[in-house]
């Protein structure tokens, strides 16, 4: 991946992270550990997207699992805020 594309992906990932954290900030304020986990998962997703694709399908599977984990953490935050 060339530097221009890499920078673009990082900028998009950072913007998505900022939007997601901003949108859920009021919910996550009371849950600093869940918020931190969500932030780390989004960072991991961005790094996996930048990694070379020659990983025998493991990189793609890892990206899918990280996205699943992000959704689970978000669901946990929502659940805790409702109960």
PDB file of N, CA and C in Angstrom:
ATOM      1  N   UNK A   1       0.853  -1.165   0.000  1.00  0.00           N
ATOM      2  CA  UNK A   1       0.000   0.000   0.000  1.00  0.00           C
ATOM      3  C   UNK A   1       0.902   1.232   0.000  1.00  0.00           C
ATOM      4  N   UNK A   2       0.616   2.199  -0.876  1.00  0.00           N
ATOM      5  CA  UNK A   2       1.466   3.388  -0.938  1.00  0.00           C
ATOM      6  C   UNK A   2       1.163   4.337   0.223  1.00  0.00           C
ATOM      7  N   UNK A   3       2.071   5.287   0.432  1.00  0.00           N
ATOM      8  CA  UNK A   3       1.951   6.196   1.578  1.00  0.00           C
ATOM      9  C   UNK A   3       0.681   7.028   1.536  1.00  0.00           C
ATOM     10  N   UNK A   4       0.290   7.490   0.352  1.00  0.00           N
ATOM     11  CA  UNK A   4      -0.921   8.292   0.233  1.00  0.00           C
ATOM     12  C   UNK A   4      -2.155   7.517   0.664  1.00  0.00           C
ATOM     13  N   UNK A   5      -2.236   6.269   0.216  1.00  0.00           N
ATOM     14  CA  UNK A   5      -3.381   5.442   0.575  1.00  0.00           C
ATOM     15  C   UNK A   5      -3.357   5.117   2.070  1.00  0.00           C
ATOM     16  N   UNK A   6      -2.173   4.868   2.595  1.00  0.00           N
ATOM     17  CA  UNK A   6      -2.005   4.581   4.022  1.00  0.00           C
ATOM     18  C   UNK A   6      -2.491   5.750   4.872  1.00  0.00           C
ATOM     19  N   UNK A   7      -2.074   6.946   4.490  1.00  0.00           N
ATOM     20  CA  UNK A   7      -2.478   8.141   5.230  1.00  0.00           C
ATOM     21  C   UNK A   7      -3.989   8.331   5.150  1.00  0.00           C
ATOM     22  N   UNK A   8      -4.549   8.093   3.970  1.00  0.00           N
ATOM     23  CA  UNK A   8      -5.990   8.230   3.798  1.00  0.00           C
ATOM     24  C   UNK A   8      -6.738   7.262   4.710  1.00  0.00           C
ATOM     25  N   UNK A   9      -6.295   6.006   4.740  1.00  0.00           N
ATOM     26  CA  UNK A   9      -6.947   5.003   5.582  1.00  0.00           C
ATOM     27  C   UNK A   9      -6.847   5.397   7.052  1.00  0.00           C
ATOM     28  N   UNK A  10      -5.679   5.887   7.469  1.00  0.00           N
ATOM     29  CA  UNK A  10      -5.512   6.306   8.863  1.00  0.00           C
ATOM     30  C   UNK A  10      -6.407   7.493   9.204  1.00  0.00           C
ATOM     31  N   UNK A  11      -6.509   8.445   8.279  1.00  0.00           N
ATOM     32  CA  UNK A  11      -7.363   9.612   8.515  1.00  0.00           C
ATOM     33  C   UNK A  11      -8.822   9.182   8.623  1.00  0.00           C
ATOM     34  N   UNK A  12      -9.257   8.303   7.725  1.00  0.00           N
ATOM     35  CA  UNK A  12     -10.637   7.822   7.761  1.00  0.00           C
ATOM     36  C   UNK A  12     -10.893   7.053   9.056  1.00  0.00           C
ATOM     37  N   UNK A  13      -9.951   6.195   9.444  1.00  0.00           N
ATOM     38  CA  UNK A  13     -10.112   5.429  10.683  1.00  0.00           C
ATOM     39  C   UNK A  13     -10.154   6.351  11.897  1.00  0.00           C
ATOM     40  N   UNK A  14      -9.302   7.358  11.905  1.00  0.00           N
ATOM     41  CA  UNK A  14      -9.286   8.304  13.025  1.00  0.00           C
ATOM     42  C   UNK A  14     -10.594   9.087  13.088  1.00  0.00           C
ATOM     43  N   UNK A  15     -11.091   9.500  11.931  1.00  0.00           N
ATOM     44  CA  UNK A  15     -12.352  10.244  11.895  1.00  0.00           C
ATOM     45  C   UNK A  15     -13.508   9.366  12.369  1.00  0.00           C
ATOM     46  N   UNK A  16     -13.524   8.118  11.917  1.00  0.00           N
ATOM     47  CA  UNK A  16     -14.580   7.198  12.342  1.00  0.00           C
ATOM     48  C   UNK A  16     -14.518   6.961  13.845  1.00  0.00           C
ATOM     49  N   UNK A  17     -13.312   6.822  14.363  1.00  0.00           N
ATOM     50  CA  UNK A  17     -13.144   6.633  15.806  1.00  0.00           C
ATOM     51  C   UNK A  17     -13.650   7.851  16.563  1.00  0.00           C
ATOM     52  N   UNK A  18     -13.275   9.032  16.097  1.00  0.00           N
ATOM     53  CA  UNK A  18     -13.706  10.262  16.763  1.00  0.00           C
ATOM     54  C   UNK A  18     -15.227  10.395  16.738  1.00  0.00           C
ATOM     55  N   UNK A  19     -15.828  10.092  15.598  1.00  0.00           N
ATOM     56  CA  UNK A  19     -17.283  10.174  15.502  1.00  0.00           C
ATOM     57  C   UNK A  19     -17.957   9.160  16.413  1.00  0.00           C
ATOM     58  N   UNK A  20     -17.450   7.939  16.402  1.00  0.00           N
ATOM     59  CA  UNK A  20     -18.046   6.889  17.232  1.00  0.00           C
ATOM     60  C   UNK A  20     -17.904   7.214  18.713  1.00  0.00           C
ATOM     61  N   UNK A  21     -16.738   7.670  19.098  1.00  0.00           N
ATOM     62  CA  UNK A  21     -16.523   8.015  20.506  1.00  0.00           C
ATOM     63  C   UNK A  21     -17.322   9.247  20.891  1.00  0.00           C
ATOM     64  N   UNK A  22     -17.420  10.206  19.988  1.00  0.00           N
ATOM     65  CA  UNK A  22     -18.203  11.403  20.272  1.00  0.00           C
ATOM     66  C   UNK A  22     -19.681  11.091  20.401  1.00  0.00           C
ATOM     67  N   UNK A  23     -20.175  10.241  19.521  1.00  0.00           N
ATOM     68  CA  UNK A  23     -21.591   9.885  19.551  1.00  0.00           C
ATOM     69  C   UNK A  23     -21.945   9.091  20.797  1.00  0.00           C
ATOM     70  N   UNK A  24     -21.017   8.276  21.262  1.00  0.00           N
ATOM     71  CA  UNK A  24     -21.314   7.450  22.428  1.00  0.00           C
ATOM     72  C   UNK A  24     -20.663   7.980  23.695  1.00  0.00           C
ATOM     73  N   UNK A  25     -20.097   9.185  23.637  1.00  0.00           N
ATOM     74  CA  UNK A  25     -19.365   9.719  24.791  1.00  0.00           C
ATOM     75  C   UNK A  25     -20.249   9.833  26.020  1.00  0.00           C
ATOM     76  N   UNK A  26     -21.487  10.281  25.830  1.00  0.00           N
ATOM     77  CA  UNK A  26     -22.351  10.431  26.997  1.00  0.00           C
ATOM     78  C   UNK A  26     -22.637   9.084  27.645  1.00  0.00           C
ATOM     79  N   UNK A  27     -22.718   8.042  26.843  1.00  0.00           N
ATOM     80  CA  UNK A  27     -22.939   6.710  27.384  1.00  0.00           C
ATOM     81  C   UNK A  27     -21.670   6.151  28.022  1.00  0.00           C
ATOM     82  N   UNK A  28     -20.558   6.380  27.370  1.00  0.00           N
ATOM     83  CA  UNK A  28     -19.320   5.756  27.816  1.00  0.00           C
ATOM     84  C   UNK A  28     -18.672   6.481  28.983  1.00  0.00           C
ATOM     85  N   UNK A  29     -19.089   7.706  29.260  1.00  0.00           N
ATOM     86  CA  UNK A  29     -18.470   8.470  30.339  1.00  0.00           C
ATOM     87  C   UNK A  29     -18.452   7.681  31.633  1.00  0.00           C
ATOM     88  N   UNK A  30     -19.521   6.971  31.905  1.00  0.00           N
ATOM     89  CA  UNK A  30     -19.598   6.214  33.141  1.00  0.00           C
ATOM     90  C   UNK A  30     -18.882   4.877  33.033  1.00  0.00           C
ATOM     91  N   UNK A  31     -18.362   4.557  31.883  1.00  0.00           N
ATOM     92  CA  UNK A  31     -17.755   3.255  31.650  1.00  0.00           C
ATOM     93  C   UNK A  31     -16.363   3.417  31.047  1.00  0.00           C
ATOM     94  N   UNK A  32     -15.416   3.915  31.808  1.00  0.00           N
ATOM     95  CA  UNK A  32     -14.098   4.210  31.242  1.00  0.00           C
ATOM     96  C   UNK A  32     -13.373   2.978  30.704  1.00  0.00           C
ATOM     97  N   UNK A  33     -13.571   1.826  31.318  1.00  0.00           N
ATOM     98  CA  UNK A  33     -12.882   0.626  30.838  1.00  0.00           C
ATOM     99  C   UNK A  33     -13.451   0.159  29.498  1.00  0.00           C
ATOM    100  N   UNK A  34     -14.768   0.212  29.365  1.00  0.00           N
ATOM    101  CA  UNK A  34     -15.390  -0.174  28.097  1.00  0.00           C
ATOM    102  C   UNK A  34     -15.015   0.817  26.998  1.00  0.00           C
ATOM    103  N   UNK A  35     -14.985   2.099  27.342  1.00  0.00           N
ATOM    104  CA  UNK A  35     -14.610   3.124  26.361  1.00  0.00           C
ATOM    105  C   UNK A  35     -13.179   2.908  25.890  1.00  0.00           C
ATOM    106  N   UNK A  36     -12.291   2.605  26.823  1.00  0.00           N
ATOM    107  CA  UNK A  36     -10.888   2.371  26.473  1.00  0.00           C
ATOM    108  C   UNK A  36     -10.761   1.118  25.597  1.00  0.00           C
ATOM    109  N   UNK A  37     -11.509   0.079  25.930  1.00  0.00           N
ATOM    110  CA  UNK A  37     -11.491  -1.140  25.119  1.00  0.00           C
ATOM    111  C   UNK A  37     -11.964  -0.846  23.698  1.00  0.00           C
ATOM    112  N   UNK A  38     -13.017  -0.057  23.581  1.00  0.00           N
ATOM    113  CA  UNK A  38     -13.544   0.311  22.267  1.00  0.00           C
ATOM    114  C   UNK A  38     -12.500   1.080  21.465  1.00  0.00           C
ATOM    115  N   UNK A  39     -11.835   2.006  22.107  1.00  0.00           N
ATOM    116  CA  UNK A  39     -10.779   2.786  21.455  1.00  0.00           C
ATOM    117  C   UNK A  39      -9.647   1.877  20.959  1.00  0.00           C
ATOM    118  N   UNK A  40      -9.217   0.944  21.794  1.00  0.00           N
ATOM    119  CA  UNK A  40      -8.124   0.034  21.417  1.00  0.00           C
ATOM    120  C   UNK A  40      -8.546  -0.881  20.269  1.00  0.00           C
ATOM    121  N   UNK A  41      -9.784  -1.348  20.292  1.00  0.00           N
ATOM    122  CA  UNK A  41     -10.268  -2.196  19.203  1.00  0.00           C
ATOM    123  C   UNK A  41     -10.303  -1.436  17.884  1.00  0.00           C
ATOM    124  N   UNK A  42     -10.715  -0.190  17.918  1.00  0.00           N
ATOM    125  CA  UNK A  42     -10.743   0.614  16.691  1.00  0.00           C
ATOM    126  C   UNK A  42      -9.322   0.879  16.184  1.00  0.00           C
ATOM    127  N   UNK A  43      -8.387   1.064  17.101  1.00  0.00           N
ATOM    128  CA  UNK A  43      -6.982   1.203  16.695  1.00  0.00           C
ATOM    129  C   UNK A  43      -6.486  -0.086  16.048  1.00  0.00           C
ATOM    130  N   UNK A  44      -6.834  -1.221  16.645  1.00  0.00           N
ATOM    131  CA  UNK A  44      -6.427  -2.514  16.091  1.00  0.00           C
ATOM    132  C   UNK A  44      -7.004  -2.706  14.692  1.00  0.00           C
ATOM    133  N   UNK A  45      -8.258  -2.322  14.514  1.00  0.00           N
ATOM    134  CA  UNK A  45      -8.890  -2.433  13.197  1.00  0.00           C
ATOM    135  C   UNK A  45      -8.127  -1.608  12.159  1.00  0.00           C
ATOM    136  N   UNK A  46      -7.750  -0.391  12.515  1.00  0.00           N
ATOM    137  CA  UNK A  46      -7.012   0.473  11.586  1.00  0.00           C
ATOM    138  C   UNK A  46      -5.659  -0.137  11.232  1.00  0.00           C
ATOM    139  N   UNK A  47      -4.965  -0.692  12.213  1.00  0.00           N
ATOM    140  CA  UNK A  47      -3.665  -1.308  11.939  1.00  0.00           C
ATOM    141  C   UNK A  47      -3.808  -2.548  11.060  1.00  0.00           C
ATOM    142  N   UNK A  48      -4.831  -3.335  11.301  1.00  0.00           N
ATOM    143  CA  UNK A  48      -5.056  -4.515  10.466  1.00  0.00           C
ATOM    144  C   UNK A  48      -5.351  -4.118   9.024  1.00  0.00           C
ATOM    145  N   UNK A  49      -6.080  -3.029   8.832  1.00  0.00           N
ATOM    146  CA  UNK A  49      -6.383  -2.566   7.479  1.00  0.00           C
ATOM    147  C   UNK A  49      -5.119  -2.138   6.747  1.00  0.00           C
ATOM    148  N   UNK A  50      -4.147  -1.630   7.481  1.00  0.00           N
ATOM    149  CA  UNK A  50      -2.900  -1.169   6.864  1.00  0.00           C
ATOM    150  C   UNK A  50      -1.897  -2.291   6.626  1.00  0.00           C
ATOM    151  N   UNK A  51      -2.077  -3.411   7.287  1.00  0.00           N
ATOM    152  CA  UNK A  51      -1.137  -4.526   7.147  1.00  0.00           C
ATOM    153  C   UNK A  51      -1.203  -5.105   5.733  1.00  0.00           C
ATOM    154  N   UNK A  52      -0.107  -5.715   5.314  1.00  0.00           N
ATOM    155  CA  UNK A  52      -0.099  -6.364   4.002  1.00  0.00           C
ATOM    156  C   UNK A  52      -1.083  -7.526   4.005  1.00  0.00           C
ATOM    157  N   UNK A  53      -1.589  -7.841   2.830  1.00  0.00           N
ATOM    158  CA  UNK A  53      -2.673  -8.821   2.712  1.00  0.00           C
ATOM    159  C   UNK A  53      -2.199 -10.263   2.635  1.00  0.00           C
ATOM    160  N   UNK A  54      -0.920 -10.504   2.691  1.00  0.00           N
ATOM    161  CA  UNK A  54      -0.392 -11.856   2.479  1.00  0.00           C
ATOM    162  C   UNK A  54      -0.305 -12.651   3.788  1.00  0.00           C
ATOM    163  N   UNK A  55      -1.439 -12.858   4.420  1.00  0.00           N
ATOM    164  CA  UNK A  55      -1.458 -13.536   5.718  1.00  0.00           C
ATOM    165  C   UNK A  55      -2.283 -14.824   5.696  1.00  0.00           C
ATOM    166  N   UNK A  56      -2.525 -15.358   4.526  1.00  0.00           N
ATOM    167  CA  UNK A  56      -3.254 -16.619   4.424  1.00  0.00           C
ATOM    168  C   UNK A  56      -4.690 -16.538   4.919  1.00  0.00           C
ATOM    169  N   UNK A  57      -5.287 -15.366   4.832  1.00  0.00           N
ATOM    170  CA  UNK A  57      -6.669 -15.182   5.266  1.00  0.00           C
ATOM    171  C   UNK A  57      -6.816 -14.828   6.740  1.00  0.00           C
ATOM    172  N   UNK A  58      -5.738 -14.919   7.495  1.00  0.00           N
ATOM    173  CA  UNK A  58      -5.813 -14.653   8.935  1.00  0.00           C
ATOM    174  C   UNK A  58      -6.054 -13.176   9.237  1.00  0.00           C
ATOM    175  N   UNK A  59      -5.471 -12.288   8.443  1.00  0.00           N
ATOM    176  CA  UNK A  59      -5.686 -10.851   8.628  1.00  0.00           C
ATOM    177  C   UNK A  59      -7.150 -10.507   8.407  1.00  0.00           C
ATOM    178  N   UNK A  60      -7.729 -11.040   7.359  1.00  0.00           N
ATOM    179  CA  UNK A  60      -9.135 -10.777   7.045  1.00  0.00           C
ATOM    180  C   UNK A  60     -10.032 -11.306   8.162  1.00  0.00           C
ATOM    181  N   UNK A  61      -9.736 -12.514   8.641  1.00  0.00           N
ATOM    182  CA  UNK A  61     -10.526 -13.084   9.739  1.00  0.00           C
ATOM    183  C   UNK A  61     -10.362 -12.240  10.998  1.00  0.00           C
ATOM    184  N   UNK A  62      -9.154 -11.785  11.268  1.00  0.00           N
ATOM    185  CA  UNK A  62      -8.912 -10.942  12.444  1.00  0.00           C
ATOM    186  C   UNK A  62      -9.707  -9.643  12.343  1.00  0.00           C
ATOM    187  N   UNK A  63      -9.760  -9.050  11.152  1.00  0.00           N
ATOM    188  CA  UNK A  63     -10.536  -7.817  10.973  1.00  0.00           C
ATOM    189  C   UNK A  63     -12.016  -8.073  11.261  1.00  0.00           C
ATOM    190  N   UNK A  64     -12.514  -9.199  10.793  1.00  0.00           N
ATOM    191  CA  UNK A  64     -13.917  -9.543  11.029  1.00  0.00           C
ATOM    192  C   UNK A  64     -14.174  -9.733  12.535  1.00  0.00           C
ATOM    193  N   UNK A  65     -13.268 -10.426  13.205  1.00  0.00           N
ATOM    194  CA  UNK A  65     -13.426 -10.654  14.641  1.00  0.00           C
ATOM    195  C   UNK A  65     -13.329  -9.354  15.436  1.00  0.00           C
ATOM    196  N   UNK A  66     -12.445  -8.460  15.017  1.00  0.00           N
ATOM    197  CA  UNK A  66     -12.324  -7.167  15.700  1.00  0.00           C
ATOM    198  C   UNK A  66     -13.603  -6.357  15.510  1.00  0.00           C
ATOM    199  N   UNK A  67     -14.158  -6.357  14.297  1.00  0.00           N
ATOM    200  CA  UNK A  67     -15.423  -5.641  14.069  1.00  0.00           C
ATOM    201  C   UNK A  67     -16.541  -6.234  14.934  1.00  0.00           C
ATOM    202  N   UNK A  68     -16.562  -7.572  15.042  1.00  0.00           N
ATOM    203  CA  UNK A  68     -17.545  -8.221  15.919  1.00  0.00           C
ATOM    204  C   UNK A  68     -17.342  -7.781  17.369  1.00  0.00           C
ATOM    205  N   UNK A  69     -16.091  -7.718  17.798  1.00  0.00           N
ATOM    206  CA  UNK A  69     -15.780  -7.301  19.171  1.00  0.00           C
ATOM    207  C   UNK A  69     -16.207  -5.853  19.407  1.00  0.00           C
ATOM    208  N   UNK A  70     -16.000  -4.991  18.424  1.00  0.00           N
ATOM    209  CA  UNK A  70     -16.428  -3.590  18.542  1.00  0.00           C
ATOM    210  C   UNK A  70     -17.935  -3.527  18.758  1.00  0.00           C
ATOM    211  N   UNK A  71     -18.673  -4.290  17.965  1.00  0.00           N
ATOM    212  CA  UNK A  71     -20.138  -4.300  18.113  1.00  0.00           C
ATOM    213  C   UNK A  71     -20.551  -4.822  19.487  1.00  0.00           C
ATOM    214  N   UNK A  72     -19.856  -5.840  19.994  1.00  0.00           N
ATOM    215  CA  UNK A  72     -20.187  -6.392  21.311  1.00  0.00           C
ATOM    216  C   UNK A  72     -19.913  -5.388  22.424  1.00  0.00           C
ATOM    217  N   UNK A  73     -18.795  -4.686  22.337  1.00  0.00           N
ATOM    218  CA  UNK A  73     -18.481  -3.674  23.352  1.00  0.00           C
ATOM    219  C   UNK A  73     -19.527  -2.562  23.308  1.00  0.00           C
ATOM    220  N   UNK A  74     -19.890  -2.124  22.112  1.00  0.00           N
ATOM    221  CA  UNK A  74     -20.919  -1.090  21.985  1.00  0.00           C
ATOM    222  C   UNK A  74     -22.246  -1.576  22.566  1.00  0.00           C
ATOM    223  N   UNK A  75     -22.588  -2.835  22.303  1.00  0.00           N
ATOM    224  CA  UNK A  75     -23.826  -3.399  22.848  1.00  0.00           C
ATOM    225  C   UNK A  75     -23.756  -3.467  24.373  1.00  0.00           C
ATOM    226  N   UNK A  76     -22.597  -3.809  24.905  1.00  0.00           N
ATOM    227  CA  UNK A  76     -22.428  -3.850  26.352  1.00  0.00           C
ATOM    228  C   UNK A  76     -22.594  -2.480  26.983  1.00  0.00           C
ATOM    229  N   UNK A  77     -22.058  -1.469  26.338  1.00  0.00           N
ATOM    230  CA  UNK A  77     -22.205  -0.093  26.828  1.00  0.00           C
ATOM    231  C   UNK A  77     -23.677   0.307  26.821  1.00  0.00           C
ATOM    232  N   UNK A  78     -24.362   0.021  25.704  1.00  0.00           N
ATOM    233  CA  UNK A  78     -25.787   0.365  25.618  1.00  0.00           C
ATOM    234  C   UNK A  78     -26.594  -0.370  26.690  1.00  0.00           C
ATOM    235  N   UNK A  79     -26.312  -1.665  26.858  1.00  0.00           N
ATOM    236  CA  UNK A  79     -27.036  -2.463  27.846  1.00  0.00           C
ATOM    237  C   UNK A  79     -26.851  -1.888  29.244  1.00  0.00           C
ATOM    238  N   UNK A  80     -25.618  -1.606  29.602  1.00  0.00           N
ATOM    239  CA  UNK A  80     -25.339  -1.089  30.942  1.00  0.00           C
ATOM    240  C   UNK A  80     -26.004   0.261  31.170  1.00  0.00           C
ATOM    241  N   UNK A  81     -26.075   1.076  30.148  1.00  0.00           N
ATOM    242  CA  UNK A  81     -26.688   2.394  30.297  1.00  0.00           C
ATOM    243  C   UNK A  81     -28.209   2.322  30.419  1.00  0.00           C
ATOM    244  N   UNK A  82     -28.798   1.248  29.934  1.00  0.00           N
ATOM    245  CA  UNK A  82     -30.257   1.087  30.034  1.00  0.00           C
ATOM    246  C   UNK A  82     -30.672   0.405  31.326  1.00  0.00           C
ATOM    247  N   UNK A  83     -29.762  -0.308  31.959  1.00  0.00           N
ATOM    248  CA  UNK A  83     -30.109  -1.099  33.154  1.00  0.00           C
ATOM    249  C   UNK A  83     -29.491  -0.544  34.409  1.00  0.00           C
TER     250      UNK A  83
END
